[in-house]
Amino acid sequence: MSLTDQIRDFVAGFVVAGISSDVEAELQFYADMADYYDSGFVSKDFIRNDILRYNQKWPVRRYWLEGDIDILNGMEADQIEVRFQIRYVVRNQQKESSGTAVKTLELQKTPDGLAITSVWEETLD
């Protein structure tokens, strides 16, 4: 499997894992320390707690990739930067939110595959 295919599979798996109520399913995609949204460099424990909080706030979540995954730098780099667009619908008992977001990830090559070392997102609508 080419590195491009590995990256596509990794990103697709990461997006799907966000739908799961199993926090470990999403957490497995992260490196031990990651630059996490607006929180700076944090540990997996911090990320776990943030995912749990988000899942409690939005117990019903749907995400899907929209369009291609763009690889922003060379795949020979230590950190591979990728950008992709997702559509989302999240809901709780009081309200629903939906829209489009652009996520940017930095991925580190590991002996087991890839790991997220940085994640941020911009909501488009």
PDB file of N, CA and C in Angstrom:
ATOM      1  N   MET A   1       0.852  -1.186   0.000  1.00  0.00           N
ATOM      2  CA  MET A   1       0.000   0.000   0.000  1.00  0.00           C
ATOM      3  C   MET A   1       0.890   1.239   0.000  1.00  0.00           C
ATOM      4  N   SER A   2       0.579   2.188  -0.855  1.00  0.00           N
ATOM      5  CA  SER A   2       1.374   3.413  -0.934  1.00  0.00           C
ATOM      6  C   SER A   2       1.126   4.286   0.294  1.00  0.00           C
ATOM      7  N   LEU A   3       2.052   5.207   0.552  1.00  0.00           N
ATOM      8  CA  LEU A   3       1.892   6.124   1.672  1.00  0.00           C
ATOM      9  C   LEU A   3       0.647   6.998   1.477  1.00  0.00           C
ATOM     10  N   THR A   4       0.361   7.391   0.250  1.00  0.00           N
ATOM     11  CA  THR A   4      -0.845   8.180  -0.029  1.00  0.00           C
ATOM     12  C   THR A   4      -2.090   7.403   0.380  1.00  0.00           C
ATOM     13  N   ASP A   5      -2.154   6.117   0.049  1.00  0.00           N
ATOM     14  CA  ASP A   5      -3.292   5.280   0.444  1.00  0.00           C
ATOM     15  C   ASP A   5      -3.354   5.135   1.963  1.00  0.00           C
ATOM     16  N   GLN A   6      -2.190   4.979   2.601  1.00  0.00           N
ATOM     17  CA  GLN A   6      -2.150   4.876   4.062  1.00  0.00           C
ATOM     18  C   GLN A   6      -2.727   6.144   4.700  1.00  0.00           C
ATOM     19  N   ILE A   7      -2.334   7.303   4.160  1.00  0.00           N
ATOM     20  CA  ILE A   7      -2.820   8.577   4.692  1.00  0.00           C
ATOM     21  C   ILE A   7      -4.331   8.685   4.505  1.00  0.00           C
ATOM     22  N   ARG A   8      -4.824   8.334   3.328  1.00  0.00           N
ATOM     23  CA  ARG A   8      -6.278   8.388   3.084  1.00  0.00           C
ATOM     24  C   ARG A   8      -7.034   7.464   4.043  1.00  0.00           C
ATOM     25  N   ASP A   9      -6.538   6.247   4.225  1.00  0.00           N
ATOM     26  CA  ASP A   9      -7.182   5.304   5.138  1.00  0.00           C
ATOM     27  C   ASP A   9      -7.142   5.818   6.578  1.00  0.00           C
ATOM     28  N   PHE A  10      -6.008   6.389   6.966  1.00  0.00           N
ATOM     29  CA  PHE A  10      -5.838   6.918   8.316  1.00  0.00           C
ATOM     30  C   PHE A  10      -6.846   8.036   8.575  1.00  0.00           C
ATOM     31  N   VAL A  11      -6.917   8.994   7.644  1.00  0.00           N
ATOM     32  CA  VAL A  11      -7.832  10.127   7.808  1.00  0.00           C
ATOM     33  C   VAL A  11      -9.284   9.646   7.831  1.00  0.00           C
ATOM     34  N   ALA A  12      -9.641   8.755   6.934  1.00  0.00           N
ATOM     35  CA  ALA A  12     -11.020   8.227   6.911  1.00  0.00           C
ATOM     36  C   ALA A  12     -11.336   7.527   8.231  1.00  0.00           C
ATOM     37  N   GLY A  13     -10.406   6.739   8.745  1.00  0.00           N
ATOM     38  CA  GLY A  13     -10.603   6.061  10.026  1.00  0.00           C
ATOM     39  C   GLY A  13     -10.747   7.042  11.171  1.00  0.00           C
ATOM     40  N   PHE A  14      -9.956   8.108  11.150  1.00  0.00           N
ATOM     41  CA  PHE A  14     -10.024   9.141  12.183  1.00  0.00           C
ATOM     42  C   PHE A  14     -11.390   9.826  12.180  1.00  0.00           C
ATOM     43  N   VAL A  15     -11.892  10.158  10.996  1.00  0.00           N
ATOM     44  CA  VAL A  15     -13.202  10.822  10.889  1.00  0.00           C
ATOM     45  C   VAL A  15     -14.296   9.892  11.417  1.00  0.00           C
ATOM     46  N   VAL A  16     -14.270   8.634  11.021  1.00  0.00           N
ATOM     47  CA  VAL A  16     -15.287   7.670  11.457  1.00  0.00           C
ATOM     48  C   VAL A  16     -15.203   7.431  12.972  1.00  0.00           C
ATOM     49  N   ALA A  17     -13.989   7.405  13.521  1.00  0.00           N
ATOM     50  CA  ALA A  17     -13.823   7.158  14.962  1.00  0.00           C
ATOM     51  C   ALA A  17     -14.501   8.231  15.805  1.00  0.00           C
ATOM     52  N   GLY A  18     -14.611   9.449  15.266  1.00  0.00           N
ATOM     53  CA  GLY A  18     -15.269  10.530  15.999  1.00  0.00           C
ATOM     54  C   GLY A  18     -16.750  10.303  16.224  1.00  0.00           C
ATOM     55  N   ILE A  19     -17.336   9.397  15.473  1.00  0.00           N
ATOM     56  CA  ILE A  19     -18.758   9.075  15.616  1.00  0.00           C
ATOM     57  C   ILE A  19     -18.965   8.105  16.779  1.00  0.00           C
ATOM     58  N   SER A  20     -17.968   7.304  17.061  1.00  0.00           N
ATOM     59  CA  SER A  20     -18.055   6.250  18.067  1.00  0.00           C
ATOM     60  C   SER A  20     -18.178   6.828  19.477  1.00  0.00           C
ATOM     61  N   SER A  21     -18.860   6.107  20.345  1.00  0.00           N
ATOM     62  CA  SER A  21     -18.902   6.500  21.755  1.00  0.00           C
ATOM     63  C   SER A  21     -17.674   5.975  22.501  1.00  0.00           C
ATOM     64  N   ASP A  22     -16.865   5.149  21.841  1.00  0.00           N
ATOM     65  CA  ASP A  22     -15.638   4.611  22.428  1.00  0.00           C
ATOM     66  C   ASP A  22     -14.513   5.622  22.239  1.00  0.00           C
ATOM     67  N   VAL A  23     -14.177   6.329  23.319  1.00  0.00           N
ATOM     68  CA  VAL A  23     -13.165   7.369  23.252  1.00  0.00           C
ATOM     69  C   VAL A  23     -11.808   6.820  22.783  1.00  0.00           C
ATOM     70  N   GLU A  24     -11.505   5.590  23.153  1.00  0.00           N
ATOM     71  CA  GLU A  24     -10.216   4.998  22.775  1.00  0.00           C
ATOM     72  C   GLU A  24     -10.110   4.807  21.259  1.00  0.00           C
ATOM     73  N   ALA A  25     -11.241   4.643  20.588  1.00  0.00           N
ATOM     74  CA  ALA A  25     -11.238   4.488  19.131  1.00  0.00           C
ATOM     75  C   ALA A  25     -10.658   5.736  18.468  1.00  0.00           C
ATOM     76  N   GLU A  26     -10.999   6.906  18.986  1.00  0.00           N
ATOM     77  CA  GLU A  26     -10.470   8.157  18.441  1.00  0.00           C
ATOM     78  C   GLU A  26      -9.073   8.449  18.987  1.00  0.00           C
ATOM     79  N   LEU A  27      -8.868   8.161  20.250  1.00  0.00           N
ATOM     80  CA  LEU A  27      -7.601   8.470  20.911  1.00  0.00           C
ATOM     81  C   LEU A  27      -6.419   7.730  20.291  1.00  0.00           C
ATOM     82  N   GLN A  28      -6.653   6.544  19.757  1.00  0.00           N
ATOM     83  CA  GLN A  28      -5.565   5.740  19.182  1.00  0.00           C
ATOM     84  C   GLN A  28      -4.881   6.425  17.999  1.00  0.00           C
ATOM     85  N   PHE A  29      -5.517   7.429  17.410  1.00  0.00           N
ATOM     86  CA  PHE A  29      -4.945   8.119  16.260  1.00  0.00           C
ATOM     87  C   PHE A  29      -3.896   9.162  16.668  1.00  0.00           C
ATOM     88  N   TYR A  30      -3.858   9.524  17.950  1.00  0.00           N
ATOM     89  CA  TYR A  30      -2.975  10.596  18.413  1.00  0.00           C
ATOM     90  C   TYR A  30      -1.635  10.072  18.922  1.00  0.00           C
ATOM     91  N   ALA A  31      -0.597  10.903  18.735  1.00  0.00           N
ATOM     92  CA  ALA A  31       0.701  10.647  19.350  1.00  0.00           C
ATOM     93  C   ALA A  31       0.571  10.898  20.860  1.00  0.00           C
ATOM     94  N   ASP A  32       1.595  10.522  21.627  1.00  0.00           N
ATOM     95  CA  ASP A  32       1.560  10.705  23.085  1.00  0.00           C
ATOM     96  C   ASP A  32       1.384  12.173  23.477  1.00  0.00           C
ATOM     97  N   MET A  33       1.982  13.067  22.700  1.00  0.00           N
ATOM     98  CA  MET A  33       1.810  14.516  22.892  1.00  0.00           C
ATOM     99  C   MET A  33       1.401  15.095  21.540  1.00  0.00           C
ATOM    100  N   ALA A  34       0.456  16.028  21.561  1.00  0.00           N
ATOM    101  CA  ALA A  34       0.001  16.623  20.303  1.00  0.00           C
ATOM    102  C   ALA A  34      -0.364  18.084  20.516  1.00  0.00           C
ATOM    103  N   ASP A  35      -0.154  18.887  19.486  1.00  0.00           N
ATOM    104  CA  ASP A  35      -0.603  20.275  19.451  1.00  0.00           C
ATOM    105  C   ASP A  35      -2.092  20.205  19.097  1.00  0.00           C
ATOM    106  N   TYR A  36      -2.940  20.404  20.100  1.00  0.00           N
ATOM    107  CA  TYR A  36      -4.350  20.035  20.025  1.00  0.00           C
ATOM    108  C   TYR A  36      -5.229  21.288  19.991  1.00  0.00           C
ATOM    109  N   TYR A  37      -5.734  21.598  18.813  1.00  0.00           N
ATOM    110  CA  TYR A  37      -6.610  22.748  18.606  1.00  0.00           C
ATOM    111  C   TYR A  37      -5.989  23.996  19.243  1.00  0.00           C
ATOM    112  N   ASP A  38      -6.717  24.671  20.125  1.00  0.00           N
ATOM    113  CA  ASP A  38      -6.204  25.905  20.739  1.00  0.00           C
ATOM    114  C   ASP A  38      -5.558  25.659  22.092  1.00  0.00           C
ATOM    115  N   SER A  39      -5.301  24.407  22.433  1.00  0.00           N
ATOM    116  CA  SER A  39      -4.796  24.072  23.770  1.00  0.00           C
ATOM    117  C   SER A  39      -3.281  23.942  23.844  1.00  0.00           C
ATOM    118  N   GLY A  40      -2.589  24.059  22.716  1.00  0.00           N
ATOM    119  CA  GLY A  40      -1.136  23.864  22.726  1.00  0.00           C
ATOM    120  C   GLY A  40      -0.795  22.388  22.794  1.00  0.00           C
ATOM    121  N   PHE A  41       0.462  22.102  23.184  1.00  0.00           N
ATOM    122  CA  PHE A  41       0.897  20.704  23.281  1.00  0.00           C
ATOM    123  C   PHE A  41       0.346  20.091  24.556  1.00  0.00           C
ATOM    124  N   VAL A  42      -0.391  18.992  24.394  1.00  0.00           N
ATOM    125  CA  VAL A  42      -1.054  18.345  25.528  1.00  0.00           C
ATOM    126  C   VAL A  42      -0.851  16.833  25.442  1.00  0.00           C
ATOM    127  N   SER A  43      -1.140  16.164  26.543  1.00  0.00           N
ATOM    128  CA  SER A  43      -0.992  14.710  26.628  1.00  0.00           C
ATOM    129  C   SER A  43      -2.248  14.006  26.131  1.00  0.00           C
ATOM    130  N   LYS A  44      -2.110  12.695  25.954  1.00  0.00           N
ATOM    131  CA  LYS A  44      -3.278  11.889  25.564  1.00  0.00           C
ATOM    132  C   LYS A  44      -4.369  11.937  26.630  1.00  0.00           C
ATOM    133  N   ASP A  45      -3.977  12.067  27.909  1.00  0.00           N
ATOM    134  CA  ASP A  45      -4.994  12.176  28.972  1.00  0.00           C
ATOM    135  C   ASP A  45      -5.841  13.425  28.785  1.00  0.00           C
ATOM    136  N   PHE A  46      -5.203  14.544  28.450  1.00  0.00           N
ATOM    137  CA  PHE A  46      -5.938  15.781  28.183  1.00  0.00           C
ATOM    138  C   PHE A  46      -6.890  15.566  27.012  1.00  0.00           C
ATOM    139  N   ILE A  47      -6.374  14.953  25.940  1.00  0.00           N
ATOM    140  CA  ILE A  47      -7.197  14.722  24.745  1.00  0.00           C
ATOM    141  C   ILE A  47      -8.365  13.798  25.084  1.00  0.00           C
ATOM    142  N   ARG A  48      -8.104  12.739  25.841  1.00  0.00           N
ATOM    143  CA  ARG A  48      -9.175  11.816  26.255  1.00  0.00           C
ATOM    144  C   ARG A  48     -10.284  12.577  26.979  1.00  0.00           C
ATOM    145  N   ASN A  49      -9.906  13.423  27.952  1.00  0.00           N
ATOM    146  CA  ASN A  49     -10.898  14.177  28.720  1.00  0.00           C
ATOM    147  C   ASN A  49     -11.668  15.148  27.833  1.00  0.00           C
ATOM    148  N   ASP A  50     -10.995  15.754  26.864  1.00  0.00           N
ATOM    149  CA  ASP A  50     -11.671  16.680  25.964  1.00  0.00           C
ATOM    150  C   ASP A  50     -12.662  15.943  25.062  1.00  0.00           C
ATOM    151  N   ILE A  51     -12.263  14.787  24.562  1.00  0.00           N
ATOM    152  CA  ILE A  51     -13.169  13.989  23.725  1.00  0.00           C
ATOM    153  C   ILE A  51     -14.385  13.548  24.541  1.00  0.00           C
ATOM    154  N   LEU A  52     -14.153  13.107  25.775  1.00  0.00           N
ATOM    155  CA  LEU A  52     -15.272  12.705  26.646  1.00  0.00           C
ATOM    156  C   LEU A  52     -16.239  13.863  26.863  1.00  0.00           C
ATOM    157  N   ARG A  53     -15.697  15.047  27.136  1.00  0.00           N
ATOM    158  CA  ARG A  53     -16.536  16.234  27.355  1.00  0.00           C
ATOM    159  C   ARG A  53     -17.349  16.544  26.101  1.00  0.00           C
ATOM    160  N   TYR A  54     -16.707  16.519  24.948  1.00  0.00           N
ATOM    161  CA  TYR A  54     -17.388  16.814  23.683  1.00  0.00           C
ATOM    162  C   TYR A  54     -18.482  15.780  23.402  1.00  0.00           C
ATOM    163  N   ASN A  55     -18.167  14.502  23.635  1.00  0.00           N
ATOM    164  CA  ASN A  55     -19.148  13.440  23.388  1.00  0.00           C
ATOM    165  C   ASN A  55     -20.345  13.548  24.327  1.00  0.00           C
ATOM    166  N   GLN A  56     -20.113  14.022  25.556  1.00  0.00           N
ATOM    167  CA  GLN A  56     -21.237  14.228  26.477  1.00  0.00           C
ATOM    168  C   GLN A  56     -22.096  15.409  26.020  1.00  0.00           C
ATOM    169  N   LYS A  57     -21.452  16.461  25.527  1.00  0.00           N
ATOM    170  CA  LYS A  57     -22.192  17.632  25.052  1.00  0.00           C
ATOM    171  C   LYS A  57     -22.997  17.296  23.805  1.00  0.00           C
ATOM    172  N   TRP A  58     -22.393  16.499  22.902  1.00  0.00           N
ATOM    173  CA  TRP A  58     -23.024  16.143  21.632  1.00  0.00           C
ATOM    174  C   TRP A  58     -23.084  14.619  21.516  1.00  0.00           C
ATOM    175  N   PRO A  59     -24.057  13.979  22.144  1.00  0.00           N
ATOM    176  CA  PRO A  59     -24.103  12.508  22.121  1.00  0.00           C
ATOM    177  C   PRO A  59     -24.409  11.907  20.748  1.00  0.00           C
ATOM    178  N   VAL A  60     -25.043  12.664  19.874  1.00  0.00           N
ATOM    179  CA  VAL A  60     -25.321  12.179  18.514  1.00  0.00           C
ATOM    180  C   VAL A  60     -24.428  12.968  17.560  1.00  0.00           C
ATOM    181  N   ARG A  61     -23.549  12.228  16.856  1.00  0.00           N
ATOM    182  CA  ARG A  61     -22.577  12.876  15.971  1.00  0.00           C
ATOM    183  C   ARG A  61     -22.514  12.133  14.642  1.00  0.00           C
ATOM    184  N   ARG A  62     -22.503  12.918  13.559  1.00  0.00           N
ATOM    185  CA  ARG A  62     -22.264  12.351  12.217  1.00  0.00           C
ATOM    186  C   ARG A  62     -21.230  13.213  11.540  1.00  0.00           C
ATOM    187  N   TYR A  63     -20.214  12.565  10.972  1.00  0.00           N
ATOM    188  CA  TYR A  63     -19.164  13.260  10.229  1.00  0.00           C
ATOM    189  C   TYR A  63     -18.921  12.508   8.936  1.00  0.00           C
ATOM    190  N   TRP A  64     -18.609  13.220   7.885  1.00  0.00           N
ATOM    191  CA  TRP A  64     -18.200  12.549   6.664  1.00  0.00           C
ATOM    192  C   TRP A  64     -17.254  13.464   5.889  1.00  0.00           C
ATOM    193  N   LEU A  65     -16.308  12.823   5.225  1.00  0.00           N
ATOM    194  CA  LEU A  65     -15.353  13.544   4.379  1.00  0.00           C
ATOM    195  C   LEU A  65     -16.064  14.135   3.184  1.00  0.00           C
ATOM    196  N   GLU A  66     -15.649  15.323   2.800  1.00  0.00           N
ATOM    197  CA  GLU A  66     -16.191  15.957   1.607  1.00  0.00           C
ATOM    198  C   GLU A  66     -15.005  16.360   0.734  1.00  0.00           C
ATOM    199  N   GLY A  67     -14.905  15.770  -0.428  1.00  0.00           N
ATOM    200  CA  GLY A  67     -13.804  16.090  -1.323  1.00  0.00           C
ATOM    201  C   GLY A  67     -12.555  15.277  -1.013  1.00  0.00           C
ATOM    202  N   ASP A  68     -11.451  15.727  -1.565  1.00  0.00           N
ATOM    203  CA  ASP A  68     -10.185  15.015  -1.452  1.00  0.00           C
ATOM    204  C   ASP A  68      -9.412  15.412  -0.204  1.00  0.00           C
ATOM    205  N   ILE A  69      -8.453  14.588   0.141  1.00  0.00           N
ATOM    206  CA  ILE A  69      -7.502  14.888   1.198  1.00  0.00           C
ATOM    207  C   ILE A  69      -6.278  15.484   0.516  1.00  0.00           C
ATOM    208  N   ASP A  70      -5.917  16.699   0.918  1.00  0.00           N
ATOM    209  CA  ASP A  70      -4.767  17.373   0.319  1.00  0.00           C
ATOM    210  C   ASP A  70      -3.531  17.151   1.184  1.00  0.00           C
ATOM    211  N   ILE A  71      -2.468  16.678   0.568  1.00  0.00           N
ATOM    212  CA  ILE A  71      -1.186  16.547   1.254  1.00  0.00           C
ATOM    213  C   ILE A  71      -0.426  17.826   0.947  1.00  0.00           C
ATOM    214  N   LEU A  72      -0.112  18.611   1.993  1.00  0.00           N
ATOM    215  CA  LEU A  72       0.381  19.969   1.815  1.00  0.00           C
ATOM    216  C   LEU A  72       1.893  20.061   1.693  1.00  0.00           C
ATOM    217  N   ASN A  73       2.595  19.013   2.077  1.00  0.00           N
ATOM    218  CA  ASN A  73       4.053  19.032   1.944  1.00  0.00           C
ATOM    219  C   ASN A  73       4.505  17.679   1.414  1.00  0.00           C
ATOM    220  N   GLY A  74       5.769  17.537   1.190  1.00  0.00           N
ATOM    221  CA  GLY A  74       6.273  16.282   0.645  1.00  0.00           C
ATOM    222  C   GLY A  74       6.125  15.130   1.616  1.00  0.00           C
ATOM    223  N   MET A  75       5.848  13.968   1.087  1.00  0.00           N
ATOM    224  CA  MET A  75       5.651  12.801   1.949  1.00  0.00           C
ATOM    225  C   MET A  75       6.964  12.270   2.502  1.00  0.00           C
ATOM    226  N   GLU A  76       8.092  12.815   2.042  1.00  0.00           N
ATOM    227  CA  GLU A  76       9.367  12.405   2.608  1.00  0.00           C
ATOM    228  C   GLU A  76       9.672  13.182   3.894  1.00  0.00           C
ATOM    229  N   ALA A  77       8.877  14.206   4.200  1.00  0.00           N
ATOM    230  CA  ALA A  77       9.071  15.002   5.411  1.00  0.00           C
ATOM    231  C   ALA A  77       8.773  14.162   6.655  1.00  0.00           C
ATOM    232  N   ASP A  78       9.388  14.547   7.775  1.00  0.00           N
ATOM    233  CA  ASP A  78       9.118  13.855   9.039  1.00  0.00           C
ATOM    234  C   ASP A  78       7.669  14.063   9.473  1.00  0.00           C
ATOM    235  N   GLN A  79       7.182  15.272   9.283  1.00  0.00           N
ATOM    236  CA  GLN A  79       5.797  15.593   9.610  1.00  0.00           C
ATOM    237  C   GLN A  79       5.055  15.818   8.291  1.00  0.00           C
ATOM    238  N   ILE A  80       4.054  15.006   8.031  1.00  0.00           N
ATOM    239  CA  ILE A  80       3.257  15.140   6.814  1.00  0.00           C
ATOM    240  C   ILE A  80       2.018  15.955   7.165  1.00  0.00           C
ATOM    241  N   GLU A  81       1.841  17.071   6.482  1.00  0.00           N
ATOM    242  CA  GLU A  81       0.701  17.938   6.766  1.00  0.00           C
ATOM    243  C   GLU A  81      -0.403  17.662   5.755  1.00  0.00           C
ATOM    244  N   VAL A  82      -1.601  17.403   6.267  1.00  0.00           N
ATOM    245  CA  VAL A  82      -2.743  17.120   5.403  1.00  0.00           C
ATOM    246  C   VAL A  82      -3.916  18.014   5.780  1.00  0.00           C
ATOM    247  N   ARG A  83      -4.745  18.306   4.785  1.00  0.00           N
ATOM    248  CA  ARG A  83      -5.940  19.129   5.017  1.00  0.00           C
ATOM    249  C   ARG A  83      -7.109  18.459   4.312  1.00  0.00           C
ATOM    250  N   PHE A  84      -8.254  18.483   4.972  1.00  0.00           N
ATOM    251  CA  PHE A  84      -9.451  17.899   4.387  1.00  0.00           C
ATOM    252  C   PHE A  84     -10.672  18.608   4.939  1.00  0.00           C
ATOM    253  N   GLN A  85     -11.758  18.474   4.219  1.00  0.00           N
ATOM    254  CA  GLN A  85     -13.016  19.105   4.598  1.00  0.00           C
ATOM    255  C   GLN A  85     -13.978  18.032   5.089  1.00  0.00           C
ATOM    256  N   ILE A  86     -14.673  18.343   6.180  1.00  0.00           N
ATOM    257  CA  ILE A  86     -15.708  17.428   6.659  1.00  0.00           C
ATOM    258  C   ILE A  86     -17.035  18.182   6.774  1.00  0.00           C
ATOM    259  N   ARG A  87     -18.083  17.441   6.610  1.00  0.00           N
ATOM    260  CA  ARG A  87     -19.438  17.912   6.947  1.00  0.00           C
ATOM    261  C   ARG A  87     -19.770  17.272   8.278  1.00  0.00           C
ATOM    262  N   TYR A  88     -20.535  17.978   9.079  1.00  0.00           N
ATOM    263  CA  TYR A  88     -20.890  17.429  10.387  1.00  0.00           C
ATOM    264  C   TYR A  88     -22.317  17.793  10.771  1.00  0.00           C
ATOM    265  N   VAL A  89     -22.907  16.910  11.551  1.00  0.00           N
ATOM    266  CA  VAL A  89     -24.183  17.158  12.219  1.00  0.00           C
ATOM    267  C   VAL A  89     -24.015  16.603  13.629  1.00  0.00           C
ATOM    268  N   VAL A  90     -24.166  17.458  14.626  1.00  0.00           N
ATOM    269  CA  VAL A  90     -24.103  17.027  16.020  1.00  0.00           C
ATOM    270  C   VAL A  90     -25.398  17.448  16.700  1.00  0.00           C
ATOM    271  N   ARG A  91     -25.821  16.628  17.668  1.00  0.00           N
ATOM    272  CA  ARG A  91     -27.126  16.892  18.275  1.00  0.00           C
ATOM    273  C   ARG A  91     -27.132  16.438  19.731  1.00  0.00           C
ATOM    274  N   ASN A  92     -27.865  17.183  20.543  1.00  0.00           N
ATOM    275  CA  ASN A  92     -28.198  16.739  21.892  1.00  0.00           C
ATOM    276  C   ASN A  92     -29.698  16.949  22.079  1.00  0.00           C
ATOM    277  N   GLN A  93     -30.170  16.804  23.303  1.00  0.00           N
ATOM    278  CA  GLN A  93     -31.626  16.904  23.516  1.00  0.00           C
ATOM    279  C   GLN A  93     -32.163  18.310  23.262  1.00  0.00           C
ATOM    280  N   GLN A  94     -31.309  19.325  23.396  1.00  0.00           N
ATOM    281  CA  GLN A  94     -31.770  20.695  23.236  1.00  0.00           C
ATOM    282  C   GLN A  94     -31.590  21.259  21.823  1.00  0.00           C
ATOM    283  N   LYS A  95     -30.515  20.861  21.149  1.00  0.00           N
ATOM    284  CA  LYS A  95     -30.271  21.515  19.859  1.00  0.00           C
ATOM    285  C   LYS A  95     -29.443  20.645  18.923  1.00  0.00           C
ATOM    286  N   GLU A  96     -29.359  21.140  17.686  1.00  0.00           N
ATOM    287  CA  GLU A  96     -28.573  20.490  16.643  1.00  0.00           C
ATOM    288  C   GLU A  96     -27.685  21.552  16.000  1.00  0.00           C
ATOM    289  N   SER A  97     -26.487  21.150  15.625  1.00  0.00           N
ATOM    290  CA  SER A  97     -25.569  22.032  14.920  1.00  0.00           C
ATOM    291  C   SER A  97     -25.030  21.279  13.714  1.00  0.00           C
ATOM    292  N   SER A  98     -24.906  21.965  12.596  1.00  0.00           N
ATOM    293  CA  SER A  98     -24.379  21.314  11.397  1.00  0.00           C
ATOM    294  C   SER A  98     -23.579  22.325  10.597  1.00  0.00           C
ATOM    295  N   GLY A  99     -22.716  21.808   9.745  1.00  0.00           N
ATOM    296  CA  GLY A  99     -21.931  22.700   8.906  1.00  0.00           C
ATOM    297  C   GLY A  99     -20.768  21.981   8.268  1.00  0.00           C
ATOM    298  N   THR A 100     -19.787  22.780   7.895  1.00  0.00           N
ATOM    299  CA  THR A 100     -18.592  22.291   7.226  1.00  0.00           C
ATOM    300  C   THR A 100     -17.376  22.827   7.969  1.00  0.00           C
ATOM    301  N   ALA A 101     -16.371  21.989   8.106  1.00  0.00           N
ATOM    302  CA  ALA A 101     -15.128  22.414   8.742  1.00  0.00           C
ATOM    303  C   ALA A 101     -13.952  21.912   7.915  1.00  0.00           C
ATOM    304  N   VAL A 102     -12.858  22.663   7.969  1.00  0.00           N
ATOM    305  CA  VAL A 102     -11.604  22.234   7.361  1.00  0.00           C
ATOM    306  C   VAL A 102     -10.669  21.844   8.497  1.00  0.00           C
ATOM    307  N   LYS A 103     -10.204  20.608   8.459  1.00  0.00           N
ATOM    308  CA  LYS A 103      -9.261  20.123   9.470  1.00  0.00           C
ATOM    309  C   LYS A 103      -7.880  20.035   8.846  1.00  0.00           C
ATOM    310  N   THR A 104      -6.885  20.420   9.624  1.00  0.00           N
ATOM    311  CA  THR A 104      -5.496  20.278   9.217  1.00  0.00           C
ATOM    312  C   THR A 104      -4.794  19.425  10.265  1.00  0.00           C
ATOM    313  N   LEU A 105      -4.129  18.382   9.805  1.00  0.00           N
ATOM    314  CA  LEU A 105      -3.404  17.470  10.688  1.00  0.00           C
ATOM    315  C   LEU A 105      -1.936  17.453  10.304  1.00  0.00           C
ATOM    316  N   GLU A 106      -1.077  17.314  11.302  1.00  0.00           N
ATOM    317  CA  GLU A 106       0.304  16.945  11.047  1.00  0.00           C
ATOM    318  C   GLU A 106       0.441  15.510  11.519  1.00  0.00           C
ATOM    319  N   LEU A 107       0.970  14.671  10.646  1.00  0.00           N
ATOM    320  CA  LEU A 107       1.093  13.244  10.915  1.00  0.00           C
ATOM    321  C   LEU A 107       2.562  12.865  11.002  1.00  0.00           C
ATOM    322  N   GLN A 108       2.886  12.096  12.022  1.00  0.00           N
ATOM    323  CA  GLN A 108       4.235  11.575  12.212  1.00  0.00           C
ATOM    324  C   GLN A 108       4.249  10.119  11.781  1.00  0.00           C
ATOM    325  N   LYS A 109       5.242   9.745  10.992  1.00  0.00           N
ATOM    326  CA  LYS A 109       5.412   8.334  10.655  1.00  0.00           C
ATOM    327  C   LYS A 109       5.920   7.609  11.891  1.00  0.00           C
ATOM    328  N   THR A 110       5.308   6.459  12.192  1.00  0.00           N
ATOM    329  CA  THR A 110       5.715   5.645  13.343  1.00  0.00           C
ATOM    330  C   THR A 110       5.939   4.219  12.855  1.00  0.00           C
ATOM    331  N   PRO A 111       6.562   3.373  13.696  1.00  0.00           N
ATOM    332  CA  PRO A 111       6.716   1.966  13.293  1.00  0.00           C
ATOM    333  C   PRO A 111       5.374   1.272  13.034  1.00  0.00           C
ATOM    334  N   ASP A 112       4.307   1.775  13.681  1.00  0.00           N
ATOM    335  CA  ASP A 112       2.974   1.169  13.521  1.00  0.00           C
ATOM    336  C   ASP A 112       2.134   1.843  12.448  1.00  0.00           C
ATOM    337  N   GLY A 113       2.667   2.880  11.818  1.00  0.00           N
ATOM    338  CA  GLY A 113       1.893   3.574  10.789  1.00  0.00           C
ATOM    339  C   GLY A 113       2.020   5.075  10.907  1.00  0.00           C
ATOM    340  N   LEU A 114       0.947   5.743  11.343  1.00  0.00           N
ATOM    341  CA  LEU A 114       0.913   7.193  11.456  1.00  0.00           C
ATOM    342  C   LEU A 114       0.307   7.590  12.798  1.00  0.00           C
ATOM    343  N   ALA A 115       0.646   8.794  13.266  1.00  0.00           N
ATOM    344  CA  ALA A 115       0.059   9.336  14.493  1.00  0.00           C
ATOM    345  C   ALA A 115      -0.110  10.840  14.323  1.00  0.00           C
ATOM    346  N   ILE A 116      -1.191  11.379  14.863  1.00  0.00           N
ATOM    347  CA  ILE A 116      -1.461  12.817  14.792  1.00  0.00           C
ATOM    348  C   ILE A 116      -0.615  13.526  15.840  1.00  0.00           C
ATOM    349  N   THR A 117       0.201  14.486  15.382  1.00  0.00           N
ATOM    350  CA  THR A 117       0.988  15.295  16.306  1.00  0.00           C
ATOM    351  C   THR A 117       0.457  16.725  16.390  1.00  0.00           C
ATOM    352  N   SER A 118      -0.462  17.072  15.491  1.00  0.00           N
ATOM    353  CA  SER A 118      -1.060  18.397  15.518  1.00  0.00           C
ATOM    354  C   SER A 118      -2.414  18.335  14.825  1.00  0.00           C
ATOM    355  N   VAL A 119      -3.401  19.020  15.412  1.00  0.00           N
ATOM    356  CA  VAL A 119      -4.730  19.083  14.807  1.00  0.00           C
ATOM    357  C   VAL A 119      -5.325  20.461  15.073  1.00  0.00           C
ATOM    358  N   TRP A 120      -5.884  21.047  14.035  1.00  0.00           N
ATOM    359  CA  TRP A 120      -6.664  22.257  14.205  1.00  0.00           C
ATOM    360  C   TRP A 120      -7.743  22.287  13.151  1.00  0.00           C
ATOM    361  N   GLU A 121      -8.725  23.161  13.374  1.00  0.00           N
ATOM    362  CA  GLU A 121      -9.850  23.198  12.442  1.00  0.00           C
ATOM    363  C   GLU A 121     -10.399  24.592  12.318  1.00  0.00           C
ATOM    364  N   GLU A 122     -10.949  24.852  11.162  1.00  0.00           N
ATOM    365  CA  GLU A 122     -11.619  26.113  10.870  1.00  0.00           C
ATOM    366  C   GLU A 122     -13.028  25.774  10.399  1.00  0.00           C
ATOM    367  N   THR A 123     -14.022  26.331  11.071  1.00  0.00           N
ATOM    368  CA  THR A 123     -15.408  26.107  10.675  1.00  0.00           C
ATOM    369  C   THR A 123     -15.764  27.092   9.570  1.00  0.00           C
ATOM    370  N   LEU A 124     -16.342  26.556   8.494  1.00  0.00           N
ATOM    371  CA  LEU A 124     -16.683  27.407   7.343  1.00  0.00           C
ATOM    372  C   LEU A 124     -18.094  27.962   7.440  1.00  0.00           C
ATOM    373  N   ASP A 125     -19.014  27.183   7.989  1.00  0.00           N
ATOM    374  CA  ASP A 125     -20.400  27.675   8.115  1.00  0.00           C
ATOM    375  C   ASP A 125     -21.077  27.037   9.293  1.00  0.00           C
TER     376      ASP A 125
END
